[in-house]
Amino acid sequence: MLATIPKIKHTNSNAFFLIAGPCAIEGEDMAMEIAEKVANLTDKLGIPYIFKGSYKKANRSRLDSFTGIGDEKALKILKKVGDTFQVPVITDIHGDDEAAMAAEYVDILQIPAFLCRQTSLLVAAANTGKVINIKKGQFLSPEAMQFALDKVVESGNERQYF
């Protein structure tokens, strides 16, 4: 399955892969430095690497918490990371209206665990044709995740991952 992700390297890793990066994109320098260090290490070890950074943090506990540097600015940084280091990039989306916009810049859309049952979000993500990574909410049994998967597949996208 890893081989179907754009720009993925080292697909002979027996299905182990690393998703890593900053919690949120706070600036280009930080993102590029992290990506360079992790990409060099994973290349050396032969591990598939996917750069993860949230372009927007929508699930904050306080109203005055940092939520991002601006959607388009952060998404452009994610695209630059992917292009520069030839690694796939993934970011969370939180609303239906974010799916198509984020899909223009990243290789994989991630559905946060607390939104894994949101039908309209799963359908919007599926409709982009991108690989979808659905995080399992702690409130669901492993078997119940099949319903989230079904929503994506029944929307015409079979490129989902858990």
C-alpha atoms as a PDB file:
ATOM      1  CA  MET A   1       0.000   0.000   0.000  1.00  0.00           C
ATOM      2  CA  LEU A   2       2.843   2.432   0.719  1.00  0.00           C
ATOM      3  CA  ALA A   3       3.920   2.336  -2.905  1.00  0.00           C
ATOM      4  CA  THR A   4       0.693   4.111  -3.926  1.00  0.00           C
ATOM      5  CA  ILE A   5       1.599   7.237  -1.944  1.00  0.00           C
ATOM      6  CA  PRO A   6       3.266   9.877  -4.140  1.00  0.00           C
ATOM      7  CA  LYS A   7       6.989  10.470  -3.478  1.00  0.00           C
ATOM      8  CA  ILE A   8       7.280   7.593  -0.995  1.00  0.00           C
ATOM      9  CA  LYS A   9      10.715   5.969  -0.836  1.00  0.00           C
ATOM     10  CA  HIS A  10      12.015   2.753   0.748  1.00  0.00           C
ATOM     11  CA  THR A  11       8.827   0.747   0.243  1.00  0.00           C
ATOM     12  CA  ASN A  12      10.598  -2.502   1.130  1.00  0.00           C
ATOM     13  CA  SER A  13      10.396  -1.694   4.856  1.00  0.00           C
ATOM     14  CA  ASN A  14       7.916  -4.464   5.711  1.00  0.00           C
ATOM     15  CA  ALA A  15       5.090  -1.909   6.145  1.00  0.00           C
ATOM     16  CA  PHE A  16       6.897   0.155   8.817  1.00  0.00           C
ATOM     17  CA  PHE A  17       6.910   3.851   8.046  1.00  0.00           C
ATOM     18  CA  LEU A  18       7.404   7.076   9.960  1.00  0.00           C
ATOM     19  CA  ILE A  19       5.023  10.026  10.078  1.00  0.00           C
ATOM     20  CA  ALA A  20       6.834  12.875  11.827  1.00  0.00           C
ATOM     21  CA  GLY A  21       7.118  16.633  11.912  1.00  0.00           C
ATOM     22  CA  PRO A  22       6.131  19.617  13.993  1.00  0.00           C
ATOM     23  CA  CYS A  23       2.734  19.732  15.648  1.00  0.00           C
ATOM     24  CA  ALA A  24       1.930  22.912  13.738  1.00  0.00           C
ATOM     25  CA  ILE A  25       3.660  24.782  10.942  1.00  0.00           C
ATOM     26  CA  GLU A  26       5.069  27.838  12.710  1.00  0.00           C
ATOM     27  CA  GLY A  27       7.416  28.960   9.957  1.00  0.00           C
ATOM     28  CA  GLU A  28       9.372  27.859   6.924  1.00  0.00           C
ATOM     29  CA  ASP A  29      12.805  27.654   8.564  1.00  0.00           C
ATOM     30  CA  MET A  30      11.619  25.350  11.335  1.00  0.00           C
ATOM     31  CA  ALA A  31       9.704  23.073   8.953  1.00  0.00           C
ATOM     32  CA  MET A  32      12.592  22.810   6.506  1.00  0.00           C
ATOM     33  CA  GLU A  33      15.119  22.088   9.266  1.00  0.00           C
ATOM     34  CA  ILE A  34      12.980  19.323  10.765  1.00  0.00           C
ATOM     35  CA  ALA A  35      12.237  17.797   7.371  1.00  0.00           C
ATOM     36  CA  GLU A  36      15.901  17.818   6.368  1.00  0.00           C
ATOM     37  CA  LYS A  37      17.063  16.101   9.546  1.00  0.00           C
ATOM     38  CA  VAL A  38      14.349  13.452   9.532  1.00  0.00           C
ATOM     39  CA  ALA A  39      14.584  12.828   5.766  1.00  0.00           C
ATOM     40  CA  ASN A  40      18.362  12.343   6.005  1.00  0.00           C
ATOM     41  CA  LEU A  41      17.959   9.938   8.912  1.00  0.00           C
ATOM     42  CA  THR A  42      15.164   7.913   7.297  1.00  0.00           C
ATOM     43  CA  ASP A  43      17.084   7.754   4.008  1.00  0.00           C
ATOM     44  CA  LYS A  44      20.130   6.457   5.883  1.00  0.00           C
ATOM     45  CA  LEU A  45      17.995   3.817   7.655  1.00  0.00           C
ATOM     46  CA  GLY A  46      15.860   2.972   4.599  1.00  0.00           C
ATOM     47  CA  ILE A  47      12.604   3.911   6.331  1.00  0.00           C
ATOM     48  CA  PRO A  48       9.659   5.394   4.414  1.00  0.00           C
ATOM     49  CA  TYR A  49       8.998   8.923   5.686  1.00  0.00           C
ATOM     50  CA  ILE A  50       5.916  11.123   5.540  1.00  0.00           C
ATOM     51  CA  PHE A  51       6.285  14.707   6.772  1.00  0.00           C
ATOM     52  CA  LYS A  52       3.412  15.733   9.048  1.00  0.00           C
ATOM     53  CA  GLY A  53       2.528  19.256  10.044  1.00  0.00           C
ATOM     54  CA  SER A  54      -0.810  20.845  10.789  1.00  0.00           C
ATOM     55  CA  TYR A  55      -1.406  23.979   8.748  1.00  0.00           C
ATOM     56  CA  LYS A  56      -4.108  24.975  11.234  1.00  0.00           C
ATOM     57  CA  LYS A  57      -4.731  23.873  14.796  1.00  0.00           C
ATOM     58  CA  ALA A  58      -8.491  23.912  15.209  1.00  0.00           C
ATOM     59  CA  ASN A  59      -8.766  21.890  18.401  1.00  0.00           C
ATOM     60  CA  ARG A  60      -7.342  24.204  21.042  1.00  0.00           C
ATOM     61  CA  SER A  61      -8.534  24.363  24.621  1.00  0.00           C
ATOM     62  CA  ARG A  62      -8.279  28.146  24.913  1.00  0.00           C
ATOM     63  CA  LEU A  63      -9.613  30.798  22.578  1.00  0.00           C
ATOM     64  CA  ASP A  64      -6.313  32.708  22.648  1.00  0.00           C
ATOM     65  CA  SER A  65      -4.125  29.654  21.834  1.00  0.00           C
ATOM     66  CA  PHE A  66      -1.925  29.609  18.724  1.00  0.00           C
ATOM     67  CA  THR A  67      -3.841  28.209  15.754  1.00  0.00           C
ATOM     68  CA  GLY A  68      -1.469  28.876  12.879  1.00  0.00           C
ATOM     69  CA  ILE A  69       0.392  31.325  10.675  1.00  0.00           C
ATOM     70  CA  GLY A  70      -2.314  31.492   8.028  1.00  0.00           C
ATOM     71  CA  ASP A  71      -3.787  28.700   5.969  1.00  0.00           C
ATOM     72  CA  GLU A  72      -2.250  29.405   2.574  1.00  0.00           C
ATOM     73  CA  LYS A  73       1.129  30.382   4.023  1.00  0.00           C
ATOM     74  CA  ALA A  74       1.376  27.129   6.006  1.00  0.00           C
ATOM     75  CA  LEU A  75       0.099  24.993   3.121  1.00  0.00           C
ATOM     76  CA  LYS A  76       2.728  26.513   0.799  1.00  0.00           C
ATOM     77  CA  ILE A  77       5.411  25.581   3.334  1.00  0.00           C
ATOM     78  CA  LEU A  78       4.113  22.001   3.406  1.00  0.00           C
ATOM     79  CA  LYS A  79       4.268  21.846  -0.382  1.00  0.00           C
ATOM     80  CA  LYS A  80       7.812  23.231  -0.362  1.00  0.00           C
ATOM     81  CA  VAL A  81       8.892  20.577   2.152  1.00  0.00           C
ATOM     82  CA  GLY A  82       7.482  17.826  -0.060  1.00  0.00           C
ATOM     83  CA  ASP A  83       9.033  19.213  -3.226  1.00  0.00           C
ATOM     84  CA  THR A  84      12.417  19.962  -1.669  1.00  0.00           C
ATOM     85  CA  PHE A  85      12.938  16.649   0.115  1.00  0.00           C
ATOM     86  CA  GLN A  86      10.833  14.489  -2.223  1.00  0.00           C
ATOM     87  CA  VAL A  87       8.731  13.141   0.630  1.00  0.00           C
ATOM     88  CA  PRO A  88       4.958  12.960   0.879  1.00  0.00           C
ATOM     89  CA  VAL A  89       3.314  15.443   3.216  1.00  0.00           C
ATOM     90  CA  ILE A  90       0.223  15.041   5.368  1.00  0.00           C
ATOM     91  CA  THR A  91      -1.922  17.547   7.229  1.00  0.00           C
ATOM     92  CA  ASP A  92      -5.095  17.422   9.290  1.00  0.00           C
ATOM     93  CA  ILE A  93      -8.327  18.875   8.017  1.00  0.00           C
ATOM     94  CA  HIS A  94     -11.163  19.842  10.333  1.00  0.00           C
ATOM     95  CA  GLY A  95     -13.970  21.092   8.088  1.00  0.00           C
ATOM     96  CA  ASP A  96     -15.542  20.070   4.807  1.00  0.00           C
ATOM     97  CA  ASP A  97     -14.466  23.343   3.219  1.00  0.00           C
ATOM     98  CA  GLU A  98     -10.793  22.633   4.000  1.00  0.00           C
ATOM     99  CA  ALA A  99     -10.512  19.365   2.066  1.00  0.00           C
ATOM    100  CA  ALA A 100     -10.184  20.684  -1.490  1.00  0.00           C
ATOM    101  CA  MET A 101      -7.959  23.593  -0.451  1.00  0.00           C
ATOM    102  CA  ALA A 102      -5.510  21.412   1.507  1.00  0.00           C
ATOM    103  CA  ALA A 103      -5.519  18.765  -1.230  1.00  0.00           C
ATOM    104  CA  GLU A 104      -3.973  21.284  -3.632  1.00  0.00           C
ATOM    105  CA  TYR A 105      -0.807  21.349  -1.498  1.00  0.00           C
ATOM    106  CA  VAL A 106      -0.406  17.977   0.246  1.00  0.00           C
ATOM    107  CA  ASP A 107      -0.295  14.310  -0.705  1.00  0.00           C
ATOM    108  CA  ILE A 108      -2.358  12.905   2.163  1.00  0.00           C
ATOM    109  CA  LEU A 109      -5.289  14.303   4.131  1.00  0.00           C
ATOM    110  CA  GLN A 110      -5.612  13.235   7.744  1.00  0.00           C
ATOM    111  CA  ILE A 111      -8.875  13.086   9.622  1.00  0.00           C
ATOM    112  CA  PRO A 112      -8.286  13.775  13.332  1.00  0.00           C
ATOM    113  CA  ALA A 113      -9.429  11.111  15.784  1.00  0.00           C
ATOM    114  CA  PHE A 114     -12.109  13.308  17.309  1.00  0.00           C
ATOM    115  CA  LEU A 115     -13.642  13.824  13.831  1.00  0.00           C
ATOM    116  CA  CYS A 116     -13.344  10.249  12.518  1.00  0.00           C
ATOM    117  CA  ARG A 117     -17.134   9.771  12.351  1.00  0.00           C
ATOM    118  CA  GLN A 118     -17.991  13.094  10.656  1.00  0.00           C
ATOM    119  CA  THR A 119     -19.680  11.901   7.490  1.00  0.00           C
ATOM    120  CA  SER A 120     -19.503  15.162   5.546  1.00  0.00           C
ATOM    121  CA  LEU A 121     -15.790  15.577   6.366  1.00  0.00           C
ATOM    122  CA  LEU A 122     -14.962  12.025   5.301  1.00  0.00           C
ATOM    123  CA  VAL A 123     -16.912  12.466   2.059  1.00  0.00           C
ATOM    124  CA  ALA A 124     -15.261  15.833   1.313  1.00  0.00           C
ATOM    125  CA  ALA A 125     -11.833  14.304   1.892  1.00  0.00           C
ATOM    126  CA  ALA A 126     -12.688  11.267  -0.241  1.00  0.00           C
ATOM    127  CA  ASN A 127     -13.868  13.481  -3.085  1.00  0.00           C
ATOM    128  CA  THR A 128     -10.392  15.028  -3.424  1.00  0.00           C
ATOM    129  CA  GLY A 129      -8.982  11.717  -4.642  1.00  0.00           C
ATOM    130  CA  LYS A 130      -6.104  12.027  -2.164  1.00  0.00           C
ATOM    131  CA  VAL A 131      -4.927   9.311   0.175  1.00  0.00           C
ATOM    132  CA  ILE A 132      -6.930   9.629   3.409  1.00  0.00           C
ATOM    133  CA  ASN A 133      -5.486   8.737   6.815  1.00  0.00           C
ATOM    134  CA  ILE A 134      -8.275   8.319   9.349  1.00  0.00           C
ATOM    135  CA  LYS A 135      -7.119   8.390  12.946  1.00  0.00           C
ATOM    136  CA  LYS A 136      -9.092   6.157  15.298  1.00  0.00           C
ATOM    137  CA  GLY A 137     -10.919   7.908  18.085  1.00  0.00           C
ATOM    138  CA  GLN A 138     -10.433   6.416  21.547  1.00  0.00           C
ATOM    139  CA  PHE A 139     -14.201   6.382  21.872  1.00  0.00           C
ATOM    140  CA  LEU A 140     -14.547   3.783  19.084  1.00  0.00           C
ATOM    141  CA  SER A 141     -13.857   0.096  19.007  1.00  0.00           C
ATOM    142  CA  PRO A 142     -11.463  -1.049  16.294  1.00  0.00           C
ATOM    143  CA  GLU A 143     -14.402  -2.739  14.552  1.00  0.00           C
ATOM    144  CA  ALA A 144     -16.395   0.517  14.460  1.00  0.00           C
ATOM    145  CA  MET A 145     -13.652   2.149  12.370  1.00  0.00           C
ATOM    146  CA  GLN A 146     -14.910   0.079   9.456  1.00  0.00           C
ATOM    147  CA  PHE A 147     -17.834   2.510   9.209  1.00  0.00           C
ATOM    148  CA  ALA A 148     -15.468   5.469   8.721  1.00  0.00           C
ATOM    149  CA  LEU A 149     -13.607   3.496   6.082  1.00  0.00           C
ATOM    150  CA  ASP A 150     -16.884   2.587   4.377  1.00  0.00           C
ATOM    151  CA  LYS A 151     -17.855   6.265   4.110  1.00  0.00           C
ATOM    152  CA  VAL A 152     -14.630   7.024   2.231  1.00  0.00           C
ATOM    153  CA  VAL A 153     -14.785   3.973  -0.042  1.00  0.00           C
ATOM    154  CA  GLU A 154     -18.496   4.414  -0.785  1.00  0.00           C
ATOM    155  CA  SER A 155     -17.686   7.986  -1.822  1.00  0.00           C
ATOM    156  CA  GLY A 156     -15.442   6.568  -4.553  1.00  0.00           C
ATOM    157  CA  ASN A 157     -12.011   6.770  -2.901  1.00  0.00           C
ATOM    158  CA  GLU A 158     -10.188   3.555  -2.094  1.00  0.00           C
ATOM    159  CA  ARG A 159      -6.925   5.293  -1.130  1.00  0.00           C
ATOM    160  CA  GLN A 160      -7.515   5.441   2.615  1.00  0.00           C
ATOM    161  CA  TYR A 161      -5.210   4.352   5.408  1.00  0.00           C
ATOM    162  CA  PHE A 162      -5.545   3.987   9.159  1.00  0.00           C
END
